[in-house]
């Protein structure tokens, strides 16, 4: 597992920037503007997708999906304000991909992550950046679910709905 230094927010930010520059991390247009419907029948529109360029899928991959409402700022402001945290997350050890989505009707946001394993996800949940993201959300609106041994692409393809 990664060292404490490797999990520091600034280290993660620098790792992500280097990976973007070298092409090992990329913003993708796959699923852009698609509508996905989650198990509780809520619908979210995908607006950002960041992924490691090479993904060696193994059966230990873990998906983490979290939805919440931010306590302040507009949709546009939150979308802009999420760029730096996105890089910190993308540089965190074990990161594979993240898809961002929003429900324009009720103001909920959704982050859909794929991690190399549940151990990497658990380390992320203890990180500074995860705590900051949770502090920006209204506490009673935060809900999450975790799926083991599957890919985020498979999950998205099962939940895409026509606009």
N, C-alpha and C. Protein backbone atom coordinates (compact mmCIF):
# COMPACT_ATOMS: atom_id res chain seq x y z
N UNK A 1 0.84 -1.18 0.00
CA UNK A 1 0.00 0.00 0.00
C UNK A 1 0.88 1.24 0.00
N UNK A 2 0.34 2.34 -0.43
CA UNK A 2 1.10 3.59 -0.59
C UNK A 2 1.48 4.20 0.76
N UNK A 3 2.55 4.97 0.74
CA UNK A 3 3.02 5.65 1.95
C UNK A 3 2.14 6.86 2.26
N UNK A 4 2.29 7.39 3.48
CA UNK A 4 1.55 8.60 3.87
C UNK A 4 1.88 9.75 2.93
N UNK A 5 3.16 9.90 2.57
CA UNK A 5 3.58 10.97 1.66
C UNK A 5 2.84 10.87 0.33
N UNK A 6 2.71 9.67 -0.19
CA UNK A 6 2.06 9.45 -1.49
C UNK A 6 0.57 9.80 -1.45
N UNK A 7 -0.04 9.77 -0.24
CA UNK A 7 -1.46 10.06 -0.09
C UNK A 7 -1.74 11.53 0.23
N UNK A 8 -0.69 12.34 0.40
CA UNK A 8 -0.89 13.76 0.68
C UNK A 8 -1.55 14.44 -0.52
N UNK A 9 -2.44 15.40 -0.25
CA UNK A 9 -3.18 16.07 -1.32
C UNK A 9 -2.28 16.71 -2.35
N UNK A 10 -1.23 17.41 -1.90
CA UNK A 10 -0.33 18.07 -2.85
C UNK A 10 0.41 17.04 -3.70
N UNK A 11 0.82 15.95 -3.10
CA UNK A 11 1.49 14.88 -3.85
C UNK A 11 0.53 14.32 -4.89
N UNK A 12 -0.72 14.07 -4.50
CA UNK A 12 -1.72 13.54 -5.42
C UNK A 12 -1.97 14.51 -6.58
N UNK A 13 -2.03 15.80 -6.26
CA UNK A 13 -2.23 16.82 -7.30
C UNK A 13 -1.08 16.79 -8.30
N UNK A 14 0.14 16.76 -7.80
CA UNK A 14 1.31 16.73 -8.68
C UNK A 14 1.36 15.45 -9.52
N UNK A 15 1.03 14.32 -8.91
CA UNK A 15 1.00 13.04 -9.64
C UNK A 15 -0.02 13.12 -10.77
N UNK A 16 -1.19 13.66 -10.50
CA UNK A 16 -2.24 13.77 -11.53
C UNK A 16 -1.81 14.68 -12.67
N UNK A 17 -1.20 15.81 -12.35
CA UNK A 17 -0.74 16.75 -13.39
C UNK A 17 0.30 16.07 -14.27
N UNK A 18 1.25 15.38 -13.67
CA UNK A 18 2.27 14.67 -14.45
C UNK A 18 1.62 13.60 -15.32
N UNK A 19 0.66 12.88 -14.77
CA UNK A 19 -0.03 11.84 -15.55
C UNK A 19 -0.82 12.45 -16.71
N UNK A 20 -1.43 13.61 -16.50
CA UNK A 20 -2.14 14.29 -17.59
C UNK A 20 -1.17 14.70 -18.69
N UNK A 21 -0.05 15.28 -18.29
CA UNK A 21 0.95 15.75 -19.26
C UNK A 21 1.53 14.59 -20.06
N UNK A 22 1.76 13.47 -19.39
CA UNK A 22 2.37 12.31 -20.07
C UNK A 22 1.34 11.39 -20.75
N UNK A 23 0.06 11.72 -20.61
CA UNK A 23 -0.98 10.95 -21.28
C UNK A 23 -1.43 9.71 -20.53
N UNK A 24 -0.99 9.52 -19.29
CA UNK A 24 -1.40 8.35 -18.52
C UNK A 24 -2.76 8.55 -17.85
N UNK A 25 -3.23 9.78 -17.86
CA UNK A 25 -4.52 10.15 -17.30
C UNK A 25 -5.17 11.06 -18.33
N UNK A 26 -6.48 10.89 -18.55
CA UNK A 26 -7.11 11.74 -19.55
C UNK A 26 -8.56 12.03 -19.21
N UNK A 27 -9.00 13.16 -19.71
CA UNK A 27 -10.41 13.48 -19.65
C UNK A 27 -11.04 12.82 -20.87
N UNK A 28 -12.16 12.17 -20.67
CA UNK A 28 -12.80 11.40 -21.73
C UNK A 28 -14.17 11.98 -22.05
N UNK A 29 -14.56 11.85 -23.31
CA UNK A 29 -15.91 12.25 -23.72
C UNK A 29 -16.89 11.09 -23.69
N UNK A 30 -16.39 9.90 -23.33
CA UNK A 30 -17.28 8.75 -23.26
C UNK A 30 -18.35 9.03 -22.21
N UNK A 31 -19.57 8.78 -22.55
CA UNK A 31 -20.75 8.96 -21.69
C UNK A 31 -21.14 10.43 -21.48
N UNK A 32 -20.43 11.37 -22.08
CA UNK A 32 -20.71 12.78 -21.87
C UNK A 32 -22.17 13.11 -22.22
N UNK A 33 -22.84 13.78 -21.31
CA UNK A 33 -24.23 14.22 -21.41
C UNK A 33 -25.24 13.07 -21.39
N UNK A 34 -24.78 11.84 -21.19
CA UNK A 34 -25.71 10.71 -21.07
C UNK A 34 -26.47 10.82 -19.74
N UNK A 35 -27.66 10.29 -19.74
CA UNK A 35 -28.49 10.25 -18.53
C UNK A 35 -28.42 8.83 -17.97
N UNK A 36 -28.10 8.74 -16.68
CA UNK A 36 -28.12 7.43 -16.04
C UNK A 36 -29.20 7.46 -14.96
N UNK A 37 -29.84 6.32 -14.79
CA UNK A 37 -30.89 6.18 -13.78
C UNK A 37 -30.39 5.19 -12.73
N UNK A 38 -30.40 5.65 -11.49
CA UNK A 38 -29.91 4.85 -10.38
C UNK A 38 -31.07 4.05 -9.79
N UNK A 39 -30.76 3.11 -8.93
CA UNK A 39 -31.75 2.18 -8.38
C UNK A 39 -32.95 2.86 -7.72
N UNK A 40 -32.77 4.07 -7.18
CA UNK A 40 -33.90 4.76 -6.55
C UNK A 40 -34.70 5.59 -7.56
N UNK A 41 -34.47 5.38 -8.86
CA UNK A 41 -35.14 6.04 -9.98
C UNK A 41 -34.72 7.49 -10.18
N UNK A 42 -33.71 7.96 -9.49
CA UNK A 42 -33.22 9.32 -9.74
C UNK A 42 -32.33 9.29 -10.98
N UNK A 43 -32.36 10.41 -11.72
CA UNK A 43 -31.62 10.49 -12.97
C UNK A 43 -30.55 11.57 -12.86
N UNK A 44 -29.37 11.23 -13.40
CA UNK A 44 -28.22 12.12 -13.36
C UNK A 44 -27.63 12.26 -14.76
N UNK A 45 -27.23 13.49 -15.10
CA UNK A 45 -26.58 13.74 -16.38
C UNK A 45 -25.07 13.80 -16.17
N UNK A 46 -24.35 13.02 -16.94
CA UNK A 46 -22.89 12.97 -16.83
C UNK A 46 -22.29 14.22 -17.47
N UNK A 47 -21.36 14.86 -16.75
CA UNK A 47 -20.72 16.05 -17.29
C UNK A 47 -19.20 16.00 -17.29
N UNK A 48 -18.60 15.01 -16.65
CA UNK A 48 -17.14 14.91 -16.67
C UNK A 48 -16.75 13.45 -16.42
N UNK A 49 -15.65 13.07 -17.06
CA UNK A 49 -15.17 11.69 -16.95
C UNK A 49 -13.64 11.74 -17.03
N UNK A 50 -12.98 11.35 -15.98
CA UNK A 50 -11.52 11.30 -15.97
C UNK A 50 -11.10 9.86 -15.71
N UNK A 51 -10.11 9.39 -16.45
CA UNK A 51 -9.76 7.99 -16.38
C UNK A 51 -8.26 7.76 -16.62
N UNK A 52 -7.76 6.73 -16.00
CA UNK A 52 -6.40 6.28 -16.30
C UNK A 52 -6.43 5.76 -17.74
N UNK A 53 -5.39 6.03 -18.50
CA UNK A 53 -5.39 5.62 -19.90
C UNK A 53 -5.38 4.11 -20.05
N UNK A 54 -4.52 3.44 -19.30
CA UNK A 54 -4.46 1.98 -19.36
C UNK A 54 -5.10 1.42 -18.09
N UNK A 55 -6.12 0.62 -18.29
CA UNK A 55 -6.78 -0.01 -17.15
C UNK A 55 -6.63 -1.51 -17.30
N UNK A 56 -5.94 -2.10 -16.37
CA UNK A 56 -5.82 -3.55 -16.34
C UNK A 56 -6.90 -4.06 -15.40
N UNK A 57 -8.04 -4.40 -15.98
CA UNK A 57 -9.15 -4.83 -15.13
C UNK A 57 -8.82 -6.15 -14.46
N UNK A 58 -9.12 -6.19 -13.18
CA UNK A 58 -9.03 -7.45 -12.45
C UNK A 58 -10.30 -7.59 -11.63
N UNK A 59 -10.55 -8.74 -11.13
CA UNK A 59 -11.81 -8.99 -10.44
C UNK A 59 -11.89 -8.30 -9.08
N UNK A 60 -10.83 -7.64 -8.65
CA UNK A 60 -10.85 -6.99 -7.35
C UNK A 60 -11.28 -5.52 -7.43
N UNK A 61 -11.52 -5.00 -8.62
CA UNK A 61 -11.92 -3.60 -8.75
C UNK A 61 -13.18 -3.32 -7.96
N UNK A 62 -13.24 -2.12 -7.41
CA UNK A 62 -14.37 -1.70 -6.57
C UNK A 62 -14.95 -0.42 -7.12
N UNK A 63 -16.26 -0.36 -7.18
CA UNK A 63 -16.97 0.86 -7.58
C UNK A 63 -17.54 1.50 -6.32
N UNK A 64 -17.43 2.81 -6.25
CA UNK A 64 -17.97 3.60 -5.14
C UNK A 64 -18.80 4.71 -5.75
N UNK A 65 -20.07 4.75 -5.38
CA UNK A 65 -20.97 5.77 -5.89
C UNK A 65 -21.52 6.56 -4.71
N UNK A 66 -21.35 7.86 -4.78
CA UNK A 66 -21.81 8.73 -3.70
C UNK A 66 -22.65 9.85 -4.31
N UNK A 67 -23.78 10.14 -3.67
CA UNK A 67 -24.61 11.27 -4.10
C UNK A 67 -24.85 12.17 -2.90
N UNK A 68 -25.06 13.45 -3.19
CA UNK A 68 -25.16 14.46 -2.13
C UNK A 68 -25.61 15.78 -2.73
N UNK A 69 -25.96 16.70 -1.85
CA UNK A 69 -26.24 18.08 -2.23
C UNK A 69 -25.19 18.96 -1.58
N UNK A 70 -24.66 19.89 -2.36
CA UNK A 70 -23.73 20.85 -1.77
C UNK A 70 -24.48 21.89 -0.97
N UNK A 71 -23.86 22.38 0.08
CA UNK A 71 -24.51 23.35 0.94
C UNK A 71 -24.46 24.77 0.38
N UNK A 72 -23.51 25.05 -0.51
CA UNK A 72 -23.39 26.40 -1.08
C UNK A 72 -23.03 26.31 -2.56
N UNK A 73 -23.06 27.43 -3.20
CA UNK A 73 -22.66 27.61 -4.59
C UNK A 73 -23.65 27.01 -5.59
N UNK A 74 -23.66 27.61 -6.75
CA UNK A 74 -24.52 27.17 -7.84
C UNK A 74 -23.91 25.94 -8.53
N UNK A 75 -24.69 25.36 -9.44
CA UNK A 75 -24.19 24.22 -10.22
C UNK A 75 -22.93 24.61 -10.98
N UNK A 76 -22.99 25.76 -11.64
CA UNK A 76 -21.85 26.21 -12.45
C UNK A 76 -20.61 26.43 -11.57
N UNK A 77 -20.80 27.06 -10.42
CA UNK A 77 -19.68 27.32 -9.51
C UNK A 77 -19.11 26.01 -8.96
N UNK A 78 -19.96 25.08 -8.58
CA UNK A 78 -19.49 23.79 -8.07
C UNK A 78 -18.76 22.99 -9.14
N UNK A 79 -19.25 23.07 -10.37
CA UNK A 79 -18.59 22.36 -11.47
C UNK A 79 -17.17 22.89 -11.66
N UNK A 80 -17.01 24.20 -11.59
CA UNK A 80 -15.70 24.81 -11.71
C UNK A 80 -14.83 24.51 -10.49
N UNK A 81 -15.44 24.60 -9.30
CA UNK A 81 -14.70 24.39 -8.05
C UNK A 81 -14.24 22.94 -7.88
N UNK A 82 -14.79 22.01 -8.66
CA UNK A 82 -14.43 20.61 -8.51
C UNK A 82 -13.19 20.20 -9.31
N UNK A 83 -12.61 21.11 -10.08
CA UNK A 83 -11.48 20.74 -10.93
C UNK A 83 -10.24 20.38 -10.11
N UNK A 84 -9.86 21.21 -9.14
CA UNK A 84 -8.67 20.91 -8.33
C UNK A 84 -8.88 19.63 -7.51
N UNK A 85 -10.02 19.49 -6.80
CA UNK A 85 -10.23 18.21 -6.08
C UNK A 85 -10.23 17.00 -7.02
N UNK A 86 -10.72 17.19 -8.25
CA UNK A 86 -10.72 16.10 -9.22
C UNK A 86 -9.29 15.61 -9.45
N UNK A 87 -8.37 16.54 -9.59
CA UNK A 87 -6.97 16.15 -9.82
C UNK A 87 -6.38 15.47 -8.59
N UNK A 88 -6.74 15.94 -7.41
CA UNK A 88 -6.24 15.30 -6.18
C UNK A 88 -6.75 13.86 -6.09
N UNK A 89 -8.00 13.67 -6.45
CA UNK A 89 -8.60 12.33 -6.43
C UNK A 89 -7.93 11.44 -7.49
N UNK A 90 -7.77 11.99 -8.69
CA UNK A 90 -7.18 11.21 -9.79
C UNK A 90 -5.73 10.84 -9.54
N UNK A 91 -5.06 11.58 -8.68
CA UNK A 91 -3.68 11.27 -8.35
C UNK A 91 -3.54 10.38 -7.12
N UNK A 92 -4.67 10.06 -6.49
CA UNK A 92 -4.63 9.23 -5.28
C UNK A 92 -4.29 7.79 -5.67
N UNK A 93 -3.47 7.11 -4.85
CA UNK A 93 -3.11 5.72 -5.16
C UNK A 93 -4.35 4.83 -5.34
N UNK A 94 -4.33 4.02 -6.38
CA UNK A 94 -5.41 3.07 -6.65
C UNK A 94 -6.54 3.61 -7.50
N UNK A 95 -6.47 4.91 -7.86
CA UNK A 95 -7.52 5.50 -8.69
C UNK A 95 -7.51 4.89 -10.07
N UNK A 96 -8.71 4.59 -10.59
CA UNK A 96 -8.85 4.09 -11.96
C UNK A 96 -9.64 5.09 -12.79
N UNK A 97 -10.83 5.49 -12.32
CA UNK A 97 -11.62 6.48 -13.05
C UNK A 97 -12.69 7.08 -12.16
N UNK A 98 -13.18 8.24 -12.59
CA UNK A 98 -14.29 8.89 -11.91
C UNK A 98 -15.17 9.55 -12.95
N UNK A 99 -16.46 9.40 -12.74
CA UNK A 99 -17.46 10.04 -13.59
C UNK A 99 -18.29 10.94 -12.70
N UNK A 100 -18.47 12.18 -13.16
CA UNK A 100 -19.24 13.19 -12.44
C UNK A 100 -20.59 13.36 -13.11
N UNK A 101 -21.64 13.49 -12.28
CA UNK A 101 -22.98 13.68 -12.83
C UNK A 101 -23.79 14.57 -11.89
N UNK A 102 -24.85 15.14 -12.44
CA UNK A 102 -25.70 16.03 -11.65
C UNK A 102 -27.16 15.79 -12.03
N UNK A 103 -28.03 15.95 -11.04
CA UNK A 103 -29.47 15.91 -11.25
C UNK A 103 -29.93 17.36 -11.21
N UNK A 104 -30.26 17.92 -12.37
CA UNK A 104 -30.63 19.33 -12.43
C UNK A 104 -31.97 19.62 -11.77
N UNK A 105 -32.82 18.60 -11.64
CA UNK A 105 -34.14 18.81 -11.03
C UNK A 105 -34.06 18.97 -9.51
N UNK A 106 -33.27 18.15 -8.85
CA UNK A 106 -33.25 18.21 -7.38
C UNK A 106 -31.94 18.73 -6.79
N UNK A 107 -30.95 19.04 -7.66
CA UNK A 107 -29.70 19.63 -7.19
C UNK A 107 -28.70 18.65 -6.61
N UNK A 108 -28.96 17.36 -6.72
CA UNK A 108 -28.02 16.37 -6.21
C UNK A 108 -26.87 16.16 -7.20
N UNK A 109 -25.72 15.88 -6.66
CA UNK A 109 -24.52 15.57 -7.42
C UNK A 109 -24.20 14.10 -7.18
N UNK A 110 -23.49 13.53 -8.13
CA UNK A 110 -23.09 12.14 -7.95
C UNK A 110 -21.67 11.94 -8.47
N UNK A 111 -20.88 11.28 -7.65
CA UNK A 111 -19.54 10.89 -8.05
C UNK A 111 -19.51 9.38 -8.16
N UNK A 112 -19.04 8.88 -9.28
CA UNK A 112 -18.95 7.44 -9.50
C UNK A 112 -17.48 7.10 -9.75
N UNK A 113 -16.91 6.32 -8.87
CA UNK A 113 -15.49 6.02 -8.89
C UNK A 113 -15.25 4.54 -9.18
N UNK A 114 -14.10 4.27 -9.77
CA UNK A 114 -13.60 2.90 -9.84
C UNK A 114 -12.21 2.91 -9.22
N UNK A 115 -11.98 2.02 -8.26
CA UNK A 115 -10.70 1.88 -7.57
C UNK A 115 -10.14 0.50 -7.87
N UNK A 116 -8.83 0.35 -7.78
CA UNK A 116 -8.18 -0.94 -8.05
C UNK A 116 -8.64 -2.02 -7.08
N UNK A 117 -9.00 -1.63 -5.87
CA UNK A 117 -9.48 -2.61 -4.88
C UNK A 117 -10.21 -1.86 -3.76
N UNK A 118 -10.89 -2.62 -2.93
CA UNK A 118 -11.59 -2.01 -1.79
C UNK A 118 -10.59 -1.42 -0.79
N UNK A 119 -9.38 -1.95 -0.72
CA UNK A 119 -8.36 -1.40 0.18
C UNK A 119 -7.99 0.03 -0.25
N UNK A 120 -7.85 0.26 -1.55
CA UNK A 120 -7.56 1.61 -2.03
C UNK A 120 -8.73 2.55 -1.75
N UNK A 121 -9.95 2.06 -1.95
CA UNK A 121 -11.12 2.87 -1.64
C UNK A 121 -11.15 3.25 -0.16
N UNK A 122 -10.89 2.30 0.71
CA UNK A 122 -10.90 2.59 2.15
C UNK A 122 -9.84 3.62 2.52
N UNK A 123 -8.68 3.55 1.87
CA UNK A 123 -7.63 4.55 2.11
C UNK A 123 -8.10 5.92 1.65
N UNK A 124 -8.77 5.97 0.50
CA UNK A 124 -9.31 7.24 -0.01
C UNK A 124 -10.35 7.82 0.97
N UNK A 125 -11.20 6.97 1.52
CA UNK A 125 -12.23 7.45 2.46
C UNK A 125 -11.63 8.06 3.72
N UNK A 126 -10.38 7.76 4.01
CA UNK A 126 -9.70 8.34 5.18
C UNK A 126 -8.88 9.57 4.81
N UNK A 127 -8.87 9.94 3.55
CA UNK A 127 -8.01 11.01 3.07
C UNK A 127 -8.58 12.40 3.35
N UNK A 128 -7.70 13.37 3.32
CA UNK A 128 -8.06 14.77 3.49
C UNK A 128 -9.07 15.21 2.43
N UNK A 129 -8.82 14.86 1.18
CA UNK A 129 -9.69 15.31 0.10
C UNK A 129 -11.10 14.76 0.24
N UNK A 130 -11.25 13.53 0.67
CA UNK A 130 -12.58 12.96 0.89
C UNK A 130 -13.30 13.71 2.00
N UNK A 131 -12.58 14.03 3.06
CA UNK A 131 -13.17 14.77 4.18
C UNK A 131 -13.60 16.17 3.75
N UNK A 132 -12.80 16.82 2.92
CA UNK A 132 -13.16 18.16 2.41
C UNK A 132 -14.42 18.08 1.58
N UNK A 133 -14.52 17.09 0.71
CA UNK A 133 -15.70 16.95 -0.13
C UNK A 133 -16.95 16.73 0.73
N UNK A 134 -16.82 15.94 1.77
CA UNK A 134 -17.96 15.70 2.66
C UNK A 134 -18.36 16.95 3.43
N UNK A 135 -17.39 17.80 3.78
CA UNK A 135 -17.70 19.03 4.50
C UNK A 135 -18.47 20.02 3.64
N UNK A 136 -18.29 19.94 2.31
CA UNK A 136 -19.00 20.84 1.41
C UNK A 136 -20.45 20.40 1.18
N UNK A 137 -20.77 19.17 1.55
CA UNK A 137 -22.10 18.64 1.32
C UNK A 137 -22.99 18.80 2.56
N UNK A 138 -24.29 18.85 2.33
CA UNK A 138 -25.25 18.85 3.44
C UNK A 138 -25.23 17.43 4.01
N UNK A 139 -24.85 17.26 5.29
CA UNK A 139 -24.62 15.92 5.85
C UNK A 139 -25.75 14.92 5.64
N UNK A 140 -26.98 15.33 5.85
CA UNK A 140 -28.10 14.37 5.74
C UNK A 140 -28.41 13.96 4.30
N UNK A 141 -27.76 14.60 3.32
CA UNK A 141 -28.01 14.24 1.92
C UNK A 141 -27.00 13.23 1.38
N UNK A 142 -25.95 12.95 2.13
CA UNK A 142 -24.89 12.06 1.63
C UNK A 142 -25.32 10.60 1.73
N UNK A 143 -25.28 9.93 0.60
CA UNK A 143 -25.52 8.49 0.61
C UNK A 143 -24.59 7.84 -0.39
N UNK A 144 -24.16 6.63 -0.06
CA UNK A 144 -23.21 5.96 -0.95
C UNK A 144 -23.49 4.46 -1.00
N UNK A 145 -22.95 3.87 -2.04
CA UNK A 145 -23.05 2.43 -2.22
C UNK A 145 -21.74 1.96 -2.85
N UNK A 146 -21.40 0.73 -2.58
CA UNK A 146 -20.14 0.17 -3.06
C UNK A 146 -20.45 -1.16 -3.74
N UNK A 147 -19.81 -1.39 -4.88
CA UNK A 147 -19.96 -2.65 -5.61
C UNK A 147 -18.58 -3.26 -5.78
N UNK A 148 -18.46 -4.52 -5.47
CA UNK A 148 -17.19 -5.23 -5.58
C UNK A 148 -17.11 -6.01 -6.89
N UNK A 149 -15.89 -6.21 -7.36
CA UNK A 149 -15.61 -7.12 -8.47
C UNK A 149 -16.33 -6.76 -9.77
N UNK A 150 -16.37 -5.48 -10.10
CA UNK A 150 -17.00 -5.05 -11.35
C UNK A 150 -16.34 -3.77 -11.82
N UNK A 151 -16.69 -3.35 -13.02
CA UNK A 151 -16.11 -2.12 -13.56
C UNK A 151 -17.17 -1.02 -13.61
N UNK A 152 -16.72 0.21 -13.58
CA UNK A 152 -17.62 1.35 -13.67
C UNK A 152 -18.28 1.40 -15.04
N UNK A 153 -17.54 1.05 -16.09
CA UNK A 153 -18.12 1.03 -17.44
C UNK A 153 -19.33 0.08 -17.50
N UNK A 154 -19.19 -1.08 -16.91
CA UNK A 154 -20.29 -2.05 -16.89
C UNK A 154 -21.50 -1.46 -16.15
N UNK A 155 -21.25 -0.84 -15.01
CA UNK A 155 -22.32 -0.22 -14.23
C UNK A 155 -23.03 0.86 -15.04
N UNK A 156 -22.27 1.75 -15.66
CA UNK A 156 -22.85 2.85 -16.45
C UNK A 156 -23.68 2.29 -17.60
N UNK A 157 -23.15 1.32 -18.32
CA UNK A 157 -23.87 0.76 -19.46
C UNK A 157 -25.20 0.13 -19.03
N UNK A 158 -25.27 -0.40 -17.85
CA UNK A 158 -26.52 -0.98 -17.34
C UNK A 158 -27.54 0.10 -16.95
N UNK A 159 -27.06 1.31 -16.66
CA UNK A 159 -27.94 2.35 -16.14
C UNK A 159 -28.20 3.52 -17.08
N UNK A 160 -27.64 3.50 -18.29
CA UNK A 160 -27.88 4.59 -19.24
C UNK A 160 -29.33 4.56 -19.70
N UNK A 161 -29.93 5.73 -19.74
CA UNK A 161 -31.30 5.90 -20.21
C UNK A 161 -31.31 6.96 -21.30
N UNK A 162 -32.28 6.90 -22.17
CA UNK A 162 -32.41 7.95 -23.19
C UNK A 162 -32.80 9.24 -22.52
N UNK A 163 -32.39 10.33 -23.12
CA UNK A 163 -32.71 11.65 -22.54
C UNK A 163 -34.19 11.92 -22.51
